């Protein structure tokens, strides 16, 4: 696979008719001295005049929906659908990223990439084939001025990328893949010897190593192929060549973490659950809950 040619092709996605106007907005942003402040809210802090504040708000607003966050961009608070710091708080006690090469697969707008900078990694590369999310990242990074690197590539491209990583994060991706074992094998091939993979997946309760195969949708999401039990997910990891599988935490998804805000368009968690029984999705499946794992070859 020619990654360089694929990269050039994907760069043209930024010229799509719904993306090109957003890219032009980026080109007109006022340039001022600013500081990146990393915390639960990723902040850009600095002096910005009234006209500049207006243009930044209009630019960010035009880039909806904002799924991951939150961000504070000068006077504009971007209240994203997901309060992503909840997930980061779960993972952070297990992270040791200093001096390491890190990949964030399915990085969305880069929220976790900015958070990783707290630990002073050597290099961080985000992978996500969404020109909208790339444009959101570029808005934040225009002022953050970091060395974070964003690729318009997907998880399937990692084995061909030509770079190995000490730590890979694959959060909220595996259940969107029609062949989860092959996906895990590809992630393993992109790890350095002794590297680790942090994985986040939807799961269903139960002790048996089985998986739910939804019909047309799960929580109104059409591209969810399998929702495994934890035992099934562990078996997938072992079949992919991971010999060490550690369950870090589980959590039921609730409205404190995912909810509709003015910064998204369309529906959110409250619309995905059965209004008569919130332990089930509108399709009648078990309501979303997540498991967090750390996988190693040895």
C-alpha atoms as a PDB file:
ATOM      1  CA  UNK A   1       0.000   0.000   0.000  1.00  0.00           C
ATOM      2  CA  UNK A   2       1.373   3.390  -1.054  1.00  0.00           C
ATOM      3  CA  UNK A   3       0.744   5.539   2.028  1.00  0.00           C
ATOM      4  CA  UNK A   4       2.238   8.654   0.413  1.00  0.00           C
ATOM      5  CA  UNK A   5      -0.178   8.421  -2.525  1.00  0.00           C
ATOM      6  CA  UNK A   6      -3.076   7.726  -0.189  1.00  0.00           C
ATOM      7  CA  UNK A   7      -2.125  10.709   1.924  1.00  0.00           C
ATOM      8  CA  UNK A   8      -2.128  12.976  -1.148  1.00  0.00           C
ATOM      9  CA  UNK A   9      -5.533  11.635  -2.170  1.00  0.00           C
ATOM     10  CA  UNK A  10      -6.995  12.218   1.295  1.00  0.00           C
ATOM     11  CA  UNK A  11      -5.637  15.743   1.439  1.00  0.00           C
ATOM     12  CA  UNK A  12      -7.987  16.502  -1.444  1.00  0.00           C
ATOM     13  CA  UNK A  13     -10.875  15.595   0.848  1.00  0.00           C
ATOM     14  CA  UNK A  14     -10.255  18.958   2.493  1.00  0.00           C
ATOM     15  CA  UNK A  15     -11.550  20.492  -0.745  1.00  0.00           C
ATOM     16  CA  UNK A  16     -15.001  18.888  -0.457  1.00  0.00           C
ATOM     17  CA  UNK A  17     -17.792  21.432  -0.863  1.00  0.00           C
ATOM     18  CA  UNK A  18     -18.857  21.135   2.800  1.00  0.00           C
ATOM     19  CA  UNK A  19     -15.261  21.332   4.088  1.00  0.00           C
ATOM     20  CA  UNK A  20     -13.632  23.943   1.818  1.00  0.00           C
ATOM     21  CA  UNK A  21     -15.580  26.884   3.341  1.00  0.00           C
ATOM     22  CA  UNK A  22     -14.399  25.811   6.801  1.00  0.00           C
ATOM     23  CA  UNK A  23     -10.796  25.673   5.586  1.00  0.00           C
ATOM     24  CA  UNK A  24     -11.171  29.224   4.253  1.00  0.00           C
ATOM     25  CA  UNK A  25     -12.384  30.357   7.669  1.00  0.00           C
ATOM     26  CA  UNK A  26      -9.181  28.975   9.153  1.00  0.00           C
ATOM     27  CA  UNK A  27      -7.159  31.103   6.763  1.00  0.00           C
ATOM     28  CA  UNK A  28      -8.790  34.316   8.031  1.00  0.00           C
ATOM     29  CA  UNK A  29      -8.333  33.732  11.766  1.00  0.00           C
ATOM     30  CA  UNK A  30      -6.550  36.489  13.699  1.00  0.00           C
ATOM     31  CA  UNK A  31      -3.058  35.494  14.735  1.00  0.00           C
ATOM     32  CA  UNK A  32      -2.187  36.337  18.337  1.00  0.00           C
ATOM     33  CA  UNK A  33       0.141  35.032  21.016  1.00  0.00           C
ATOM     34  CA  UNK A  34      -1.612  32.273  22.933  1.00  0.00           C
ATOM     35  CA  UNK A  35      -0.908  29.550  25.468  1.00  0.00           C
ATOM     36  CA  UNK A  36      -2.160  25.977  25.544  1.00  0.00           C
ATOM     37  CA  UNK A  37      -3.430  25.026  29.009  1.00  0.00           C
ATOM     38  CA  UNK A  38      -4.060  21.291  29.334  1.00  0.00           C
ATOM     39  CA  UNK A  39      -6.671  19.955  31.718  1.00  0.00           C
ATOM     40  CA  UNK A  40     -10.162  18.474  31.663  1.00  0.00           C
ATOM     41  CA  UNK A  41     -10.994  21.447  29.463  1.00  0.00           C
ATOM     42  CA  UNK A  42      -8.297  21.945  26.819  1.00  0.00           C
ATOM     43  CA  UNK A  43      -7.838  25.707  26.785  1.00  0.00           C
ATOM     44  CA  UNK A  44      -6.286  28.301  24.512  1.00  0.00           C
ATOM     45  CA  UNK A  45      -5.574  31.375  26.622  1.00  0.00           C
ATOM     46  CA  UNK A  46      -4.523  34.812  25.390  1.00  0.00           C
ATOM     47  CA  UNK A  47      -5.612  38.357  24.624  1.00  0.00           C
ATOM     48  CA  UNK A  48      -8.145  38.507  21.832  1.00  0.00           C
ATOM     49  CA  UNK A  49     -10.114  41.540  20.787  1.00  0.00           C
ATOM     50  CA  UNK A  50     -13.881  41.652  20.361  1.00  0.00           C
ATOM     51  CA  UNK A  51     -13.776  41.220  16.587  1.00  0.00           C
ATOM     52  CA  UNK A  52     -11.370  38.295  16.910  1.00  0.00           C
ATOM     53  CA  UNK A  53     -13.596  36.633  19.510  1.00  0.00           C
ATOM     54  CA  UNK A  54     -16.557  36.932  17.164  1.00  0.00           C
ATOM     55  CA  UNK A  55     -14.677  35.349  14.266  1.00  0.00           C
ATOM     56  CA  UNK A  56     -13.422  32.484  16.410  1.00  0.00           C
ATOM     57  CA  UNK A  57     -16.924  31.744  17.700  1.00  0.00           C
ATOM     58  CA  UNK A  58     -18.348  31.839  14.174  1.00  0.00           C
ATOM     59  CA  UNK A  59     -15.584  29.537  12.899  1.00  0.00           C
ATOM     60  CA  UNK A  60     -16.029  27.001  15.699  1.00  0.00           C
ATOM     61  CA  UNK A  61     -19.827  27.148  15.390  1.00  0.00           C
ATOM     62  CA  UNK A  62     -19.626  26.456  11.654  1.00  0.00           C
ATOM     63  CA  UNK A  63     -17.625  23.311  12.402  1.00  0.00           C
ATOM     64  CA  UNK A  64     -20.374  21.582  14.364  1.00  0.00           C
ATOM     65  CA  UNK A  65     -20.886  18.857  15.447  1.00  0.00           C
ATOM     66  CA  UNK A  66     -18.180  18.769  18.109  1.00  0.00           C
ATOM     67  CA  UNK A  67     -18.189  15.224  19.462  1.00  0.00           C
ATOM     68  CA  UNK A  68     -15.104  15.190  21.718  1.00  0.00           C
ATOM     69  CA  UNK A  69     -13.947  17.841  24.171  1.00  0.00           C
ATOM     70  CA  UNK A  70     -14.585  20.210  25.844  1.00  0.00           C
ATOM     71  CA  UNK A  71     -12.421  23.068  24.606  1.00  0.00           C
ATOM     72  CA  UNK A  72     -12.123  26.698  25.673  1.00  0.00           C
ATOM     73  CA  UNK A  73     -10.875  28.769  22.753  1.00  0.00           C
ATOM     74  CA  UNK A  74     -10.293  32.230  24.218  1.00  0.00           C
ATOM     75  CA  UNK A  75     -13.834  33.361  25.116  1.00  0.00           C
ATOM     76  CA  UNK A  76     -15.576  30.520  23.272  1.00  0.00           C
ATOM     77  CA  UNK A  77     -16.492  27.444  25.314  1.00  0.00           C
ATOM     78  CA  UNK A  78     -17.084  24.434  23.062  1.00  0.00           C
ATOM     79  CA  UNK A  79     -19.355  22.169  25.074  1.00  0.00           C
ATOM     80  CA  UNK A  80     -18.898  18.948  23.146  1.00  0.00           C
ATOM     81  CA  UNK A  81     -21.329  16.028  23.122  1.00  0.00           C
ATOM     82  CA  UNK A  82     -18.889  13.819  25.050  1.00  0.00           C
ATOM     83  CA  UNK A  83     -17.222  15.001  28.236  1.00  0.00           C
ATOM     84  CA  UNK A  84     -14.075  13.202  27.182  1.00  0.00           C
ATOM     85  CA  UNK A  85     -12.196  13.890  30.394  1.00  0.00           C
ATOM     86  CA  UNK A  86     -14.286  11.171  32.075  1.00  0.00           C
ATOM     87  CA  UNK A  87     -12.675   8.552  29.848  1.00  0.00           C
ATOM     88  CA  UNK A  88      -9.266  10.168  30.228  1.00  0.00           C
ATOM     89  CA  UNK A  89      -9.557  10.048  34.012  1.00  0.00           C
ATOM     90  CA  UNK A  90     -10.195   6.313  33.789  1.00  0.00           C
ATOM     91  CA  UNK A  91      -7.111   5.719  31.645  1.00  0.00           C
ATOM     92  CA  UNK A  92      -4.646   8.247  33.057  1.00  0.00           C
ATOM     93  CA  UNK A  93      -3.536   6.220  36.138  1.00  0.00           C
ATOM     94  CA  UNK A  94      -2.255   3.518  33.764  1.00  0.00           C
ATOM     95  CA  UNK A  95      -0.382   5.778  31.341  1.00  0.00           C
ATOM     96  CA  UNK A  96       3.367   6.207  31.043  1.00  0.00           C
ATOM     97  CA  UNK A  97       3.974   8.133  27.829  1.00  0.00           C
ATOM     98  CA  UNK A  98       7.118  10.137  28.574  1.00  0.00           C
ATOM     99  CA  UNK A  99       9.604   9.886  25.712  1.00  0.00           C
ATOM    100  CA  UNK A 100       7.406   7.445  23.802  1.00  0.00           C
ATOM    101  CA  UNK A 101       5.933   7.316  20.334  1.00  0.00           C
ATOM    102  CA  UNK A 102       2.163   7.350  20.631  1.00  0.00           C
ATOM    103  CA  UNK A 103      -0.655   6.750  18.149  1.00  0.00           C
ATOM    104  CA  UNK A 104      -4.289   7.727  18.699  1.00  0.00           C
ATOM    105  CA  UNK A 105      -6.409   5.714  16.260  1.00  0.00           C
ATOM    106  CA  UNK A 106      -9.809   7.269  15.700  1.00  0.00           C
ATOM    107  CA  UNK A 107      -8.513  10.497  17.229  1.00  0.00           C
ATOM    108  CA  UNK A 108     -11.536  12.612  16.254  1.00  0.00           C
ATOM    109  CA  UNK A 109     -10.597  16.289  16.804  1.00  0.00           C
ATOM    110  CA  UNK A 110      -7.489  15.468  18.826  1.00  0.00           C
ATOM    111  CA  UNK A 111      -8.784  16.027  22.363  1.00  0.00           C
ATOM    112  CA  UNK A 112      -6.833  13.068  23.766  1.00  0.00           C
ATOM    113  CA  UNK A 113      -3.753  13.986  21.741  1.00  0.00           C
ATOM    114  CA  UNK A 114      -3.632  17.354  23.478  1.00  0.00           C
ATOM    115  CA  UNK A 115      -4.107  15.619  26.826  1.00  0.00           C
ATOM    116  CA  UNK A 116      -1.196  13.243  26.114  1.00  0.00           C
ATOM    117  CA  UNK A 117       1.155  16.230  25.927  1.00  0.00           C
ATOM    118  CA  UNK A 118       0.952  16.434  29.732  1.00  0.00           C
ATOM    119  CA  UNK A 119       3.219  13.369  29.854  1.00  0.00           C
ATOM    120  CA  UNK A 120       5.850  14.695  27.397  1.00  0.00           C
ATOM    121  CA  UNK A 121       5.798  11.951  24.740  1.00  0.00           C
ATOM    122  CA  UNK A 122       8.422  12.024  21.993  1.00  0.00           C
ATOM    123  CA  UNK A 123       5.832  11.978  19.199  1.00  0.00           C
ATOM    124  CA  UNK A 124       2.042  11.768  18.891  1.00  0.00           C
ATOM    125  CA  UNK A 125       0.287  10.810  15.657  1.00  0.00           C
ATOM    126  CA  UNK A 126      -3.493  10.847  15.306  1.00  0.00           C
ATOM    127  CA  UNK A 127      -5.336   8.770  12.707  1.00  0.00           C
ATOM    128  CA  UNK A 128      -8.862   9.626  11.590  1.00  0.00           C
ATOM    129  CA  UNK A 129     -10.295   9.755   8.034  1.00  0.00           C
ATOM    130  CA  UNK A 130     -12.673  12.639   8.758  1.00  0.00           C
ATOM    131  CA  UNK A 131     -11.901  15.977   7.089  1.00  0.00           C
ATOM    132  CA  UNK A 132     -14.293  17.709   9.496  1.00  0.00           C
ATOM    133  CA  UNK A 133     -12.498  16.417  12.583  1.00  0.00           C
ATOM    134  CA  UNK A 134      -9.143  17.271  10.979  1.00  0.00           C
ATOM    135  CA  UNK A 135     -10.423  20.823  10.448  1.00  0.00           C
ATOM    136  CA  UNK A 136     -11.538  21.074  14.088  1.00  0.00           C
ATOM    137  CA  UNK A 137      -8.078  19.900  15.150  1.00  0.00           C
ATOM    138  CA  UNK A 138      -6.450  22.489  12.893  1.00  0.00           C
ATOM    139  CA  UNK A 139      -8.546  25.239  14.495  1.00  0.00           C
ATOM    140  CA  UNK A 140      -7.303  24.348  17.982  1.00  0.00           C
ATOM    141  CA  UNK A 141      -3.738  23.694  16.867  1.00  0.00           C
ATOM    142  CA  UNK A 142      -3.558  27.001  14.974  1.00  0.00           C
ATOM    143  CA  UNK A 143      -3.257  28.621  18.390  1.00  0.00           C
ATOM    144  CA  UNK A 144      -1.812  25.705  20.398  1.00  0.00           C
ATOM    145  CA  UNK A 145       1.107  25.434  17.927  1.00  0.00           C
ATOM    146  CA  UNK A 146       2.013  21.884  18.943  1.00  0.00           C
ATOM    147  CA  UNK A 147       4.012  19.260  17.047  1.00  0.00           C
ATOM    148  CA  UNK A 148       1.066  16.867  17.078  1.00  0.00           C
ATOM    149  CA  UNK A 149       0.658  15.119  13.732  1.00  0.00           C
ATOM    150  CA  UNK A 150      -2.730  14.288  12.197  1.00  0.00           C
ATOM    151  CA  UNK A 151      -3.217  11.742   9.411  1.00  0.00           C
ATOM    152  CA  UNK A 152      -6.432  11.374   7.395  1.00  0.00           C
ATOM    153  CA  UNK A 153      -5.965   7.606   7.596  1.00  0.00           C
ATOM    154  CA  UNK A 154      -7.830   4.803   9.325  1.00  0.00           C
ATOM    155  CA  UNK A 155      -6.988   1.871  11.559  1.00  0.00           C
ATOM    156  CA  UNK A 156      -6.630  -0.359   8.495  1.00  0.00           C
ATOM    157  CA  UNK A 157      -3.625   1.672   7.340  1.00  0.00           C
ATOM    158  CA  UNK A 158      -1.479   1.296  10.470  1.00  0.00           C
ATOM    159  CA  UNK A 159       0.325  -1.923   9.394  1.00  0.00           C
ATOM    160  CA  UNK A 160       1.505  -0.104   6.245  1.00  0.00           C
ATOM    161  CA  UNK A 161       2.328   3.230   7.840  1.00  0.00           C
ATOM    162  CA  UNK A 162       6.037   2.533   8.186  1.00  0.00           C
ATOM    163  CA  UNK A 163       6.322   3.622  11.810  1.00  0.00           C
ATOM    164  CA  UNK A 164       6.027   1.556  14.975  1.00  0.00           C
ATOM    165  CA  UNK A 165       4.644   2.924  18.231  1.00  0.00           C
ATOM    166  CA  UNK A 166       5.318   2.304  21.896  1.00  0.00           C
ATOM    167  CA  UNK A 167       1.703   2.966  22.823  1.00  0.00           C
ATOM    168  CA  UNK A 168      -1.438   2.883  20.693  1.00  0.00           C
ATOM    169  CA  UNK A 169      -4.868   4.082  21.767  1.00  0.00           C
ATOM    170  CA  UNK A 170      -7.872   2.676  19.915  1.00  0.00           C
ATOM    171  CA  UNK A 171     -10.870   4.141  21.699  1.00  0.00           C
ATOM    172  CA  UNK A 172     -14.395   3.575  20.425  1.00  0.00           C
ATOM    173  CA  UNK A 173     -13.364   1.971  17.131  1.00  0.00           C
ATOM    174  CA  UNK A 174     -13.330  -1.837  17.385  1.00  0.00           C
ATOM    175  CA  UNK A 175     -17.111  -2.300  17.258  1.00  0.00           C
ATOM    176  CA  UNK A 176     -17.266  -0.321  14.010  1.00  0.00           C
ATOM    177  CA  UNK A 177     -15.032  -2.909  12.286  1.00  0.00           C
ATOM    178  CA  UNK A 178     -16.555  -5.883  10.472  1.00  0.00           C
ATOM    179  CA  UNK A 179     -13.508  -8.054  11.317  1.00  0.00           C
ATOM    180  CA  UNK A 180     -12.428  -7.138  14.866  1.00  0.00           C
ATOM    181  CA  UNK A 181      -9.742  -9.826  15.107  1.00  0.00           C
ATOM    182  CA  UNK A 182      -8.076  -8.622  11.903  1.00  0.00           C
ATOM    183  CA  UNK A 183      -8.251  -5.059  13.239  1.00  0.00           C
ATOM    184  CA  UNK A 184      -6.512  -6.108  16.453  1.00  0.00           C
ATOM    185  CA  UNK A 185      -3.859  -7.967  14.455  1.00  0.00           C
ATOM    186  CA  UNK A 186      -3.178  -4.810  12.469  1.00  0.00           C
ATOM    187  CA  UNK A 187      -2.844  -2.758  15.641  1.00  0.00           C
ATOM    188  CA  UNK A 188      -0.453  -5.326  17.104  1.00  0.00           C
ATOM    189  CA  UNK A 189       1.735  -5.162  13.993  1.00  0.00           C
ATOM    190  CA  UNK A 190       2.039  -1.385  14.471  1.00  0.00           C
ATOM    191  CA  UNK A 191       3.426  -1.791  18.006  1.00  0.00           C
ATOM    192  CA  UNK A 192       7.079  -1.913  18.921  1.00  0.00           C
ATOM    193  CA  UNK A 193       8.223  -5.048  20.702  1.00  0.00           C
ATOM    194  CA  UNK A 194       6.882  -4.826  24.235  1.00  0.00           C
ATOM    195  CA  UNK A 195       4.467  -2.022  23.297  1.00  0.00           C
ATOM    196  CA  UNK A 196       0.943  -1.688  24.619  1.00  0.00           C
ATOM    197  CA  UNK A 197      -2.511  -1.068  23.221  1.00  0.00           C
ATOM    198  CA  UNK A 198      -5.231   0.730  25.170  1.00  0.00           C
ATOM    199  CA  UNK A 199      -8.600  -0.403  23.900  1.00  0.00           C
ATOM    200  CA  UNK A 200     -12.088   0.904  24.655  1.00  0.00           C
ATOM    201  CA  UNK A 201     -15.120  -1.023  23.469  1.00  0.00           C
ATOM    202  CA  UNK A 202     -18.823  -1.266  23.954  1.00  0.00           C
ATOM    203  CA  UNK A 203     -19.730  -4.543  25.654  1.00  0.00           C
ATOM    204  CA  UNK A 204     -22.762  -6.520  26.747  1.00  0.00           C
ATOM    205  CA  UNK A 205     -23.084  -8.209  30.144  1.00  0.00           C
ATOM    206  CA  UNK A 206     -22.572 -11.962  30.428  1.00  0.00           C
ATOM    207  CA  UNK A 207     -19.948 -14.575  31.236  1.00  0.00           C
ATOM    208  CA  UNK A 208     -20.040 -16.448  27.919  1.00  0.00           C
ATOM    209  CA  UNK A 209     -17.597 -15.479  25.125  1.00  0.00           C
ATOM    210  CA  UNK A 210     -20.311 -14.297  22.729  1.00  0.00           C
ATOM    211  CA  UNK A 211     -21.150 -11.110  20.839  1.00  0.00           C
ATOM    212  CA  UNK A 212     -24.320  -9.273  19.915  1.00  0.00           C
ATOM    213  CA  UNK A 213     -24.662  -8.793  16.169  1.00  0.00           C
ATOM    214  CA  UNK A 214     -27.187  -5.928  15.846  1.00  0.00           C
ATOM    215  CA  UNK A 215     -29.660  -5.697  13.020  1.00  0.00           C
ATOM    216  CA  UNK A 216     -30.031  -2.385  11.221  1.00  0.00           C
ATOM    217  CA  UNK A 217     -28.638  -0.373  14.126  1.00  0.00           C
ATOM    218  CA  UNK A 218     -27.513  -0.300  17.730  1.00  0.00           C
ATOM    219  CA  UNK A 219     -28.377   2.904  19.626  1.00  0.00           C
ATOM    220  CA  UNK A 220     -29.441   4.279  16.237  1.00  0.00           C
ATOM    221  CA  UNK A 221     -25.883   3.753  14.939  1.00  0.00           C
ATOM    222  CA  UNK A 222     -25.887   1.711  11.749  1.00  0.00           C
ATOM    223  CA  UNK A 223     -22.193   0.781  11.509  1.00  0.00           C
ATOM    224  CA  UNK A 224     -21.845  -1.196  14.742  1.00  0.00           C
ATOM    225  CA  UNK A 225     -21.101  -4.777  13.717  1.00  0.00           C
ATOM    226  CA  UNK A 226     -20.453  -6.600  16.996  1.00  0.00           C
ATOM    227  CA  UNK A 227     -20.890  -5.792  20.690  1.00  0.00           C
ATOM    228  CA  UNK A 228     -19.006  -8.505  22.615  1.00  0.00           C
ATOM    229  CA  UNK A 229     -19.027  -9.690  26.182  1.00  0.00           C
ATOM    230  CA  UNK A 230     -15.746  -8.976  27.953  1.00  0.00           C
ATOM    231  CA  UNK A 231     -14.862 -12.673  27.649  1.00  0.00           C
ATOM    232  CA  UNK A 232     -15.359 -12.519  23.870  1.00  0.00           C
ATOM    233  CA  UNK A 233     -13.262  -9.365  23.629  1.00  0.00           C
ATOM    234  CA  UNK A 234     -10.466 -11.056  25.584  1.00  0.00           C
ATOM    235  CA  UNK A 235     -10.626 -14.012  23.187  1.00  0.00           C
ATOM    236  CA  UNK A 236     -10.442 -11.667  20.185  1.00  0.00           C
ATOM    237  CA  UNK A 237      -7.296 -10.124  21.678  1.00  0.00           C
ATOM    238  CA  UNK A 238      -5.679 -13.530  22.235  1.00  0.00           C
ATOM    239  CA  UNK A 239      -6.550 -14.680  18.703  1.00  0.00           C
ATOM    240  CA  UNK A 240      -4.864 -11.487  17.452  1.00  0.00           C
ATOM    241  CA  UNK A 241      -1.636 -12.405  19.248  1.00  0.00           C
ATOM    242  CA  UNK A 242      -1.881 -10.469  22.506  1.00  0.00           C
ATOM    243  CA  UNK A 243      -0.797 -12.662  25.401  1.00  0.00           C
ATOM    244  CA  UNK A 244      -1.443 -10.133  28.171  1.00  0.00           C
ATOM    245  CA  UNK A 245      -4.997  -8.786  28.514  1.00  0.00           C
ATOM    246  CA  UNK A 246      -5.819  -6.546  31.482  1.00  0.00           C
ATOM    247  CA  UNK A 247      -9.301  -5.188  32.154  1.00  0.00           C
ATOM    248  CA  UNK A 248      -8.811  -1.707  33.601  1.00  0.00           C
ATOM    249  CA  UNK A 249     -12.395  -0.573  34.219  1.00  0.00           C
ATOM    250  CA  UNK A 250     -15.989  -0.753  33.093  1.00  0.00           C
ATOM    251  CA  UNK A 251     -18.536   2.023  32.971  1.00  0.00           C
ATOM    252  CA  UNK A 252     -22.152   2.424  31.952  1.00  0.00           C
ATOM    253  CA  UNK A 253     -22.590   5.324  29.545  1.00  0.00           C
ATOM    254  CA  UNK A 254     -24.831   7.980  31.083  1.00  0.00           C
ATOM    255  CA  UNK A 255     -25.906  11.561  30.510  1.00  0.00           C
ATOM    256  CA  UNK A 256     -23.077  12.931  32.640  1.00  0.00           C
ATOM    257  CA  UNK A 257     -20.694  11.732  29.930  1.00  0.00           C
ATOM    258  CA  UNK A 258     -22.669  11.912  26.681  1.00  0.00           C
ATOM    259  CA  UNK A 259     -25.523  14.318  26.041  1.00  0.00           C
ATOM    260  CA  UNK A 260     -26.993  16.731  23.535  1.00  0.00           C
ATOM    261  CA  UNK A 261     -25.570  20.255  23.627  1.00  0.00           C
ATOM    262  CA  UNK A 262     -25.876  23.263  21.358  1.00  0.00           C
ATOM    263  CA  UNK A 263     -22.489  22.317  19.878  1.00  0.00           C
ATOM    264  CA  UNK A 264     -23.795  19.220  18.139  1.00  0.00           C
ATOM    265  CA  UNK A 265     -26.492  18.701  15.542  1.00  0.00           C
ATOM    266  CA  UNK A 266     -29.001  15.913  15.847  1.00  0.00           C
ATOM    267  CA  UNK A 267     -29.539  13.360  18.604  1.00  0.00           C
ATOM    268  CA  UNK A 268     -27.508  12.035  21.515  1.00  0.00           C
ATOM    269  CA  UNK A 269     -27.681   9.387  24.237  1.00  0.00           C
ATOM    270  CA  UNK A 270     -31.132  10.289  25.586  1.00  0.00           C
ATOM    271  CA  UNK A 271     -32.551   9.696  22.108  1.00  0.00           C
ATOM    272  CA  UNK A 272     -30.827   6.324  21.749  1.00  0.00           C
ATOM    273  CA  UNK A 273     -32.399   4.718  24.827  1.00  0.00           C
ATOM    274  CA  UNK A 274     -35.851   3.232  25.295  1.00  0.00           C
ATOM    275  CA  UNK A 275     -37.870   6.017  27.010  1.00  0.00           C
ATOM    276  CA  UNK A 276     -39.785   3.366  28.981  1.00  0.00           C
ATOM    277  CA  UNK A 277     -36.696   1.371  30.010  1.00  0.00           C
ATOM    278  CA  UNK A 278     -33.324   3.180  29.915  1.00  0.00           C
ATOM    279  CA  UNK A 279     -31.479  -0.118  30.510  1.00  0.00           C
ATOM    280  CA  UNK A 280     -32.212  -0.851  26.845  1.00  0.00           C
ATOM    281  CA  UNK A 281     -31.583   0.882  23.539  1.00  0.00           C
ATOM    282  CA  UNK A 282     -34.494   1.908  21.353  1.00  0.00           C
ATOM    283  CA  UNK A 283     -33.916  -1.345  19.450  1.00  0.00           C
ATOM    284  CA  UNK A 284     -34.287  -3.389  22.640  1.00  0.00           C
ATOM    285  CA  UNK A 285     -30.597  -4.245  23.081  1.00  0.00           C
ATOM    286  CA  UNK A 286     -28.669  -3.753  26.358  1.00  0.00           C
ATOM    287  CA  UNK A 287     -27.897  -0.043  26.868  1.00  0.00           C
ATOM    288  CA  UNK A 288     -24.350   1.138  26.087  1.00  0.00           C
ATOM    289  CA  UNK A 289     -21.615   0.314  28.551  1.00  0.00           C
ATOM    290  CA  UNK A 290     -17.883   0.380  28.008  1.00  0.00           C
ATOM    291  CA  UNK A 291     -14.874  -1.672  28.997  1.00  0.00           C
ATOM    292  CA  UNK A 292     -11.289  -0.408  29.023  1.00  0.00           C
ATOM    293  CA  UNK A 293      -8.403  -2.805  28.440  1.00  0.00           C
ATOM    294  CA  UNK A 294      -4.608  -2.784  28.175  1.00  0.00           C
ATOM    295  CA  UNK A 295      -3.184  -5.329  25.765  1.00  0.00           C
ATOM    296  CA  UNK A 296       0.448  -6.438  25.389  1.00  0.00           C
ATOM    297  CA  UNK A 297       2.224  -9.095  23.379  1.00  0.00           C
ATOM    298  CA  UNK A 298       4.286 -10.167  26.351  1.00  0.00           C
END
